[in-house]
Protein backbone atom coordinates (compact mmCIF):
# COMPACT_ATOMS: atom_id res chain seq x y z
CA MET A 1 -49.90 -46.67 -13.54
CA GLN A 2 -45.90 -46.14 -12.81
CA ARG A 3 -46.79 -44.26 -9.78
CA THR A 4 -49.16 -46.63 -8.45
CA HIS A 5 -46.59 -49.58 -9.61
CA LEU A 6 -44.25 -48.02 -7.47
CA ARG A 7 -45.55 -47.76 -3.97
CA PRO A 8 -46.60 -51.49 -3.56
CA ALA A 9 -42.90 -51.83 -4.60
CA ARG A 10 -41.46 -49.09 -1.62
CA LEU A 11 -43.66 -50.60 0.53
CA LYS A 12 -42.39 -53.96 0.29
CA ALA A 13 -38.59 -52.85 0.43
CA PHE A 14 -39.86 -50.45 3.92
CA ARG A 15 -41.26 -54.20 5.18
CA LYS A 16 -37.94 -55.34 4.94
CA GLU A 17 -36.13 -52.81 6.19
CA LEU A 18 -38.04 -52.28 9.47
CA PRO A 19 -35.92 -54.36 11.92
CA PHE A 20 -32.92 -52.37 10.76
CA HIS A 21 -34.44 -49.24 11.64
CA LEU A 22 -36.05 -50.62 14.71
CA MET A 23 -32.32 -51.95 15.55
CA LEU A 24 -31.03 -48.40 14.93
CA LEU A 25 -33.72 -46.63 16.79
CA PRO A 26 -31.98 -46.85 20.35
CA ALA A 27 -28.90 -45.34 19.23
CA VAL A 28 -30.12 -42.42 17.28
CA ILE A 29 -32.34 -41.90 20.87
CA LEU A 30 -29.28 -41.89 22.30
CA VAL A 31 -27.39 -39.96 19.95
CA PHE A 32 -30.10 -37.07 20.09
CA ILE A 33 -30.16 -37.26 23.81
CA TYR A 34 -26.53 -36.76 24.19
CA MET A 35 -25.21 -35.10 21.06
CA TYR A 36 -27.61 -32.39 20.17
CA VAL A 37 -30.29 -31.72 22.79
CA PRO A 38 -27.21 -30.30 24.91
CA LEU A 39 -26.81 -27.98 21.91
CA GLY A 40 -29.49 -25.31 23.76
CA GLY A 41 -26.83 -24.93 26.33
CA LEU A 42 -24.74 -23.30 23.52
CA ILE A 43 -27.02 -20.04 24.92
CA ILE A 44 -24.73 -19.64 27.44
CA ALA A 45 -21.82 -18.36 25.31
CA PHE A 46 -23.84 -15.11 24.68
CA GLN A 47 -24.81 -14.98 28.53
CA LYS A 48 -23.05 -14.15 32.03
CA PHE A 49 -24.68 -17.21 33.18
CA ILE A 50 -25.29 -17.84 36.99
CA PRO A 51 -26.02 -20.96 37.73
CA ALA A 52 -28.21 -20.35 40.48
CA LYS A 53 -30.72 -19.00 38.24
CA GLY A 54 -30.40 -22.02 36.07
CA LEU A 55 -30.29 -22.57 32.27
CA PHE A 56 -34.10 -20.90 31.46
CA GLY A 57 -33.82 -18.23 34.32
CA GLU A 58 -33.26 -14.65 33.52
CA GLN A 59 -29.60 -14.86 32.35
CA LYS A 60 -28.01 -11.21 31.27
CA TRP A 61 -27.62 -11.48 27.69
CA VAL A 62 -23.82 -9.96 26.74
CA GLY A 63 -23.90 -10.79 22.90
CA LEU A 64 -20.38 -11.45 21.85
CA ASP A 65 -18.57 -10.23 25.10
CA ASN A 66 -17.55 -13.73 26.19
CA PHE A 67 -15.78 -14.21 22.99
CA ILE A 68 -13.94 -10.53 22.83
CA TYR A 69 -12.87 -11.11 26.54
CA LEU A 70 -11.42 -14.77 25.61
CA TYR A 71 -9.08 -12.62 22.49
CA ARG A 72 -8.06 -10.45 25.36
CA LEU A 73 -7.40 -13.46 28.11
CA PRO A 74 -4.02 -14.24 28.51
CA GLY A 75 -2.95 -17.57 27.63
CA ALA A 76 -5.96 -18.35 25.35
CA ILE A 77 -4.14 -17.57 22.20
CA SER A 78 -0.74 -19.68 23.46
CA ALA A 79 -3.37 -22.80 24.09
CA LEU A 80 -4.97 -22.15 20.85
CA ARG A 81 -1.33 -22.13 19.16
CA ASN A 82 -0.11 -25.06 20.92
CA THR A 83 -3.64 -26.99 19.94
CA VAL A 84 -3.00 -26.72 16.35
CA ILE A 85 0.76 -27.82 16.47
CA ILE A 86 0.07 -30.45 18.66
CA ALA A 87 -2.57 -31.88 16.39
CA PHE A 88 -1.31 -31.24 13.22
CA TYR A 89 1.82 -33.33 14.07
CA LYS A 90 -0.54 -36.07 15.74
CA ILE A 91 -2.84 -35.94 12.57
CA ILE A 92 0.39 -36.40 10.18
CA LEU A 93 1.93 -38.98 12.36
CA HIS A 94 -1.40 -41.31 12.68
CA LEU A 95 -1.33 -41.14 8.71
CA ILE A 96 2.44 -42.04 8.17
CA ILE A 97 3.60 -44.11 10.76
CA PRO A 98 0.07 -47.12 10.84
CA ILE A 99 0.90 -47.07 7.20
CA THR A 100 4.65 -47.71 7.28
CA VAL A 101 4.11 -50.50 10.07
CA SER A 102 0.99 -52.26 8.42
CA ILE A 103 3.15 -52.91 5.00
CA LEU A 104 5.78 -54.02 6.95
CA LEU A 105 3.55 -56.23 8.62
CA SER A 106 2.29 -57.62 5.92
CA GLU A 107 5.29 -58.61 4.13
CA ILE A 108 6.07 -60.79 7.07
CA LYS A 109 5.66 -64.03 6.72
CA SER A 110 5.76 -66.36 9.72
CA ASP A 111 2.19 -65.84 10.70
CA PRO A 112 3.11 -66.47 14.50
CA PHE A 113 5.76 -63.76 14.48
CA ARG A 114 3.61 -61.70 12.91
CA ARG A 115 0.33 -62.33 15.23
CA THR A 116 2.84 -62.15 18.01
CA ALA A 117 4.07 -58.30 16.56
CA GLN A 118 0.41 -57.44 16.38
CA THR A 119 -0.06 -58.09 19.62
CA LEU A 120 2.71 -56.13 21.14
CA ILE A 121 1.87 -53.44 18.85
CA TYR A 122 -1.88 -53.17 19.91
CA LEU A 123 -1.86 -53.56 23.86
CA PRO A 124 -1.21 -49.84 24.66
CA HIS A 125 -4.00 -48.53 23.01
CA PHE A 126 -5.98 -50.58 25.68
CA LEU A 127 -4.40 -48.53 28.53
CA SER A 128 -6.27 -45.77 29.36
CA TRP A 129 -4.68 -42.08 30.08
CA ILE A 130 -4.48 -42.57 33.72
CA ILE A 131 -2.34 -45.46 33.53
CA MET A 132 -0.29 -44.68 30.82
CA GLY A 133 0.52 -41.12 32.74
CA GLY A 134 1.40 -43.19 35.78
CA ILE A 135 3.74 -45.25 33.48
CA LEU A 136 5.14 -42.66 31.50
CA ILE A 137 5.81 -40.40 34.73
CA ASP A 138 7.97 -42.84 36.68
CA ILE A 139 9.90 -43.32 32.88
CA LEU A 140 10.56 -40.20 32.21
CA SER A 141 11.49 -39.28 35.94
CA PRO A 142 14.71 -37.05 35.40
CA THR A 143 16.06 -39.16 38.91
CA ASP A 144 14.55 -42.37 38.87
CA GLY A 145 13.45 -43.12 35.16
CA ILE A 146 14.68 -45.71 32.92
CA VAL A 147 14.94 -43.51 29.86
CA ASN A 148 17.01 -41.02 31.76
CA ARG A 149 19.50 -43.88 33.61
CA PHE A 150 19.63 -45.29 30.22
CA LEU A 151 20.71 -41.65 28.46
CA GLY A 152 22.92 -41.48 31.39
CA LEU A 153 25.11 -44.20 30.39
CA PHE A 154 26.32 -42.17 27.60
CA GLY A 155 26.80 -38.83 29.42
CA VAL A 156 23.30 -37.54 27.90
CA GLY A 157 20.73 -35.76 30.32
CA PRO A 158 19.17 -35.78 32.49
CA TYR A 159 16.07 -34.41 30.91
CA PHE A 160 12.63 -33.55 32.26
CA PHE A 161 10.56 -34.53 30.06
CA LEU A 162 7.05 -33.38 31.30
CA GLY A 163 8.20 -30.86 32.90
CA SER A 164 10.25 -28.61 30.61
CA ASN A 165 8.85 -26.30 27.50
CA ASP A 166 11.46 -27.60 25.15
CA THR A 167 10.39 -31.64 25.50
CA PHE A 168 7.16 -31.39 26.78
CA ARG A 169 5.46 -31.10 23.53
CA PHE A 170 7.33 -33.86 21.97
CA THR A 171 7.00 -35.91 24.28
CA ILE A 172 3.25 -35.58 23.79
CA ILE A 173 3.43 -36.59 20.61
CA PHE A 174 5.62 -38.82 20.35
CA THR A 175 4.06 -40.82 23.32
CA ASP A 176 0.26 -40.67 21.52
CA VAL A 177 1.77 -42.14 18.84
CA TRP A 178 3.19 -44.77 20.32
CA LYS A 179 0.29 -45.35 21.95
CA GLU A 180 -2.22 -45.77 19.43
CA PHE A 181 -0.25 -45.95 16.22
CA GLY A 182 -0.47 -50.18 16.57
CA PHE A 183 -4.73 -50.16 16.58
CA ASN A 184 -4.56 -47.74 13.98
CA THR A 185 -2.75 -50.34 12.00
CA ILE A 186 -6.00 -52.77 11.55
CA VAL A 187 -7.89 -50.26 9.36
CA TYR A 188 -5.17 -50.41 6.88
CA LEU A 189 -4.24 -53.81 6.98
CA ALA A 190 -7.91 -54.91 6.18
CA ALA A 191 -7.61 -52.58 2.78
CA ILE A 192 -4.31 -54.56 1.99
CA THR A 193 -5.93 -58.39 2.94
CA ASN A 194 -8.39 -57.16 0.25
CA ILE A 195 -6.07 -56.51 -2.71
CA ASP A 196 -6.03 -58.45 -5.46
CA PRO A 197 -3.23 -61.18 -5.18
CA ASN A 198 -2.81 -61.49 -8.68
CA GLN A 199 -1.77 -57.65 -9.40
CA TYR A 200 1.64 -58.90 -6.96
CA GLU A 201 1.86 -61.80 -9.48
CA ALA A 202 2.12 -59.94 -12.37
CA ALA A 203 3.93 -57.36 -10.97
CA THR A 204 6.68 -60.12 -10.08
CA ILE A 205 6.69 -61.56 -13.23
CA ASP A 206 7.54 -57.76 -14.82
CA GLY A 207 10.66 -58.20 -12.31
CA ALA A 208 9.44 -55.56 -9.62
CA ASN A 209 10.94 -56.69 -6.46
CA ARG A 210 9.75 -56.26 -2.85
CA PHE A 211 9.80 -52.60 -2.47
CA GLN A 212 8.59 -51.99 -6.02
CA ARG A 213 5.36 -53.96 -5.17
CA MET A 214 4.63 -52.05 -1.94
CA ILE A 215 5.46 -48.69 -3.85
CA TYR A 216 3.35 -49.20 -7.29
CA VAL A 217 1.18 -52.23 -5.98
CA THR A 218 0.43 -51.72 -1.98
CA LEU A 219 -0.39 -48.08 -1.86
CA PRO A 220 -1.84 -47.22 -4.70
CA ASN A 221 -4.51 -49.90 -3.34
CA MET A 222 -5.00 -48.73 -0.27
CA ARG A 223 -5.36 -44.95 -1.68
CA MET A 224 -9.26 -44.54 -0.86
CA ILE A 225 -8.54 -45.79 2.80
CA ILE A 226 -5.95 -43.49 3.43
CA VAL A 227 -8.17 -40.73 2.18
CA LEU A 228 -10.57 -41.74 4.37
CA MET A 229 -8.65 -41.79 7.39
CA MET A 230 -7.29 -38.65 6.50
CA VAL A 231 -10.34 -36.71 5.81
CA LEU A 232 -11.86 -38.27 8.89
CA SER A 233 -8.74 -37.16 11.03
CA LEU A 234 -8.88 -33.20 10.03
CA GLY A 235 -12.15 -32.90 12.24
CA ASN A 236 -9.52 -33.28 15.14
CA VAL A 237 -7.41 -30.61 14.47
CA LEU A 238 -8.48 -28.76 17.17
CA ASN A 239 -8.21 -32.12 19.40
CA ALA A 240 -5.13 -32.29 20.81
CA GLY A 241 -6.00 -35.13 23.48
CA PHE A 242 -7.74 -33.65 26.47
CA ASP A 243 -6.93 -36.96 28.37
CA GLN A 244 -3.04 -37.10 27.57
CA VAL A 245 -2.81 -33.95 28.14
CA PHE A 246 -4.39 -33.15 31.35
CA ASN A 247 -2.58 -36.66 33.09
CA LEU A 248 1.20 -35.17 32.09
CA TYR A 249 1.07 -31.42 31.82
CA SER A 250 1.67 -29.26 34.72
CA LYS A 251 1.94 -25.32 35.25
CA GLN A 252 5.88 -25.74 34.51
CA VAL A 253 4.65 -26.49 30.82
CA TYR A 254 1.88 -24.13 30.18
CA GLU A 255 3.61 -22.52 27.67
CA THR A 256 3.74 -25.15 25.12
CA GLY A 257 1.83 -28.08 26.41
CA ASP A 258 -1.63 -26.00 27.27
CA ILE A 259 -4.41 -26.96 24.68
CA LEU A 260 -8.27 -25.44 24.28
CA ASP A 261 -9.15 -28.31 26.34
CA THR A 262 -6.80 -28.10 29.34
CA PHE A 263 -8.02 -24.29 28.87
CA ILE A 264 -11.76 -24.80 28.89
CA TYR A 265 -11.70 -27.10 31.45
CA ARG A 266 -9.65 -24.46 34.28
CA ILE A 267 -11.75 -21.43 33.10
CA GLY A 268 -14.98 -23.47 33.14
CA LEU A 269 -14.88 -25.93 36.15
CA ILE A 270 -12.31 -24.49 38.60
CA ASP A 271 -12.71 -20.48 37.90
CA ALA A 272 -16.31 -20.85 37.29
CA GLN A 273 -16.71 -18.58 33.98
CA PHE A 274 -19.21 -20.90 32.19
CA GLY A 275 -20.47 -18.48 29.82
CA VAL A 276 -16.40 -17.82 28.33
CA ALA A 277 -15.95 -21.39 28.58
CA THR A 278 -18.85 -21.94 26.65
CA ALA A 279 -18.25 -19.45 24.19
CA MET A 280 -14.16 -21.48 23.47
CA GLY A 281 -16.22 -24.21 23.17
CA MET A 282 -18.28 -23.35 20.77
CA PHE A 283 -15.83 -21.66 18.76
CA LYS A 284 -13.46 -24.90 18.93
CA SER A 285 -16.95 -26.52 17.45
CA VAL A 286 -17.13 -24.21 14.66
CA VAL A 287 -13.85 -24.34 13.29
CA SER A 288 -13.76 -28.03 13.49
CA THR A 289 -16.88 -28.45 11.33
CA LEU A 290 -15.64 -25.67 8.75
CA PHE A 291 -12.49 -28.15 8.54
CA ILE A 292 -14.68 -31.38 8.10
CA SER A 293 -16.74 -29.81 5.78
CA ILE A 294 -13.27 -28.72 3.66
CA SER A 295 -11.88 -31.63 3.74
CA TYR A 296 -14.98 -33.42 2.32
CA TYR A 297 -15.15 -31.29 -0.52
CA CYS A 298 -11.18 -31.75 -0.67
CA ALA A 299 -11.61 -35.58 -1.02
CA TYR A 300 -14.14 -35.42 -3.64
CA ARG A 301 -12.40 -32.62 -5.44
CA PHE A 302 -8.99 -34.35 -5.77
CA ALA A 303 -9.42 -38.15 -4.85
CA ASP A 304 -12.68 -38.56 -6.59
CA TYR A 305 -14.06 -40.00 -3.20
CA ARG A 306 -17.17 -39.37 -1.65
CA ILE A 307 -17.88 -40.84 2.30
CA PHE A 308 -22.24 -40.21 2.01
């Protein structure tokens, strides 16, 4: 009797949710076509792939030779090291700076000033790295760039920010954070607006000043969204930003600026070593998946937070 009673209820719930499933169906189909179907191409990582024979042609199987070749290839380990270093600092700064800025913005009492400040820090996000790259090349030019002209007033420089291994990595990290931190504050500002005002009133009555309210009220209430953003960002530990690096780097800075994505681009599309490039991409995907899995576990284990 209980099973018979449950079936109409489930059928009714399914009919109620059917329009939402149909609404999601096109997106699911697109994700399947463009994200899952291409996974079949990973077979190239274990072949000596010749494009003329096609994906389903009689390709020569080489097993793990492509991965072994990558390990011995000059520049591969350097690209991996640069990727991890650049991505690590980007992840840390993309957490700290947006959180700090969002808290400071929430403390501004003047609505016109706060809206103006938010608009100004959001704007760089909407510029592509092609446009931003051209702007940065002009701004950071060692001869005519405004940054070096300003430093020259104090007898410092000039520095070749985009052509020196000493400064390129720092420039990549700083410019990426500058471009994206404003847009990232939206999530944290939304979390701050959902905090119960009574908590601030109670803290004020207890004698807490503005700084103490930020530490003991604002930050604890943002804990869950901070954990969520941190967990999601760990999946990008091997994504140092292809668009940015590709538009700003040169051969002079391969030592500190070449990352896995640009390395794969040169090996695969320029040198036409498709099997080797696919092997590197597969390695990157596996490591990223591993980091995502570990971060999900840590979020649940130490913060009692589940994303799914």
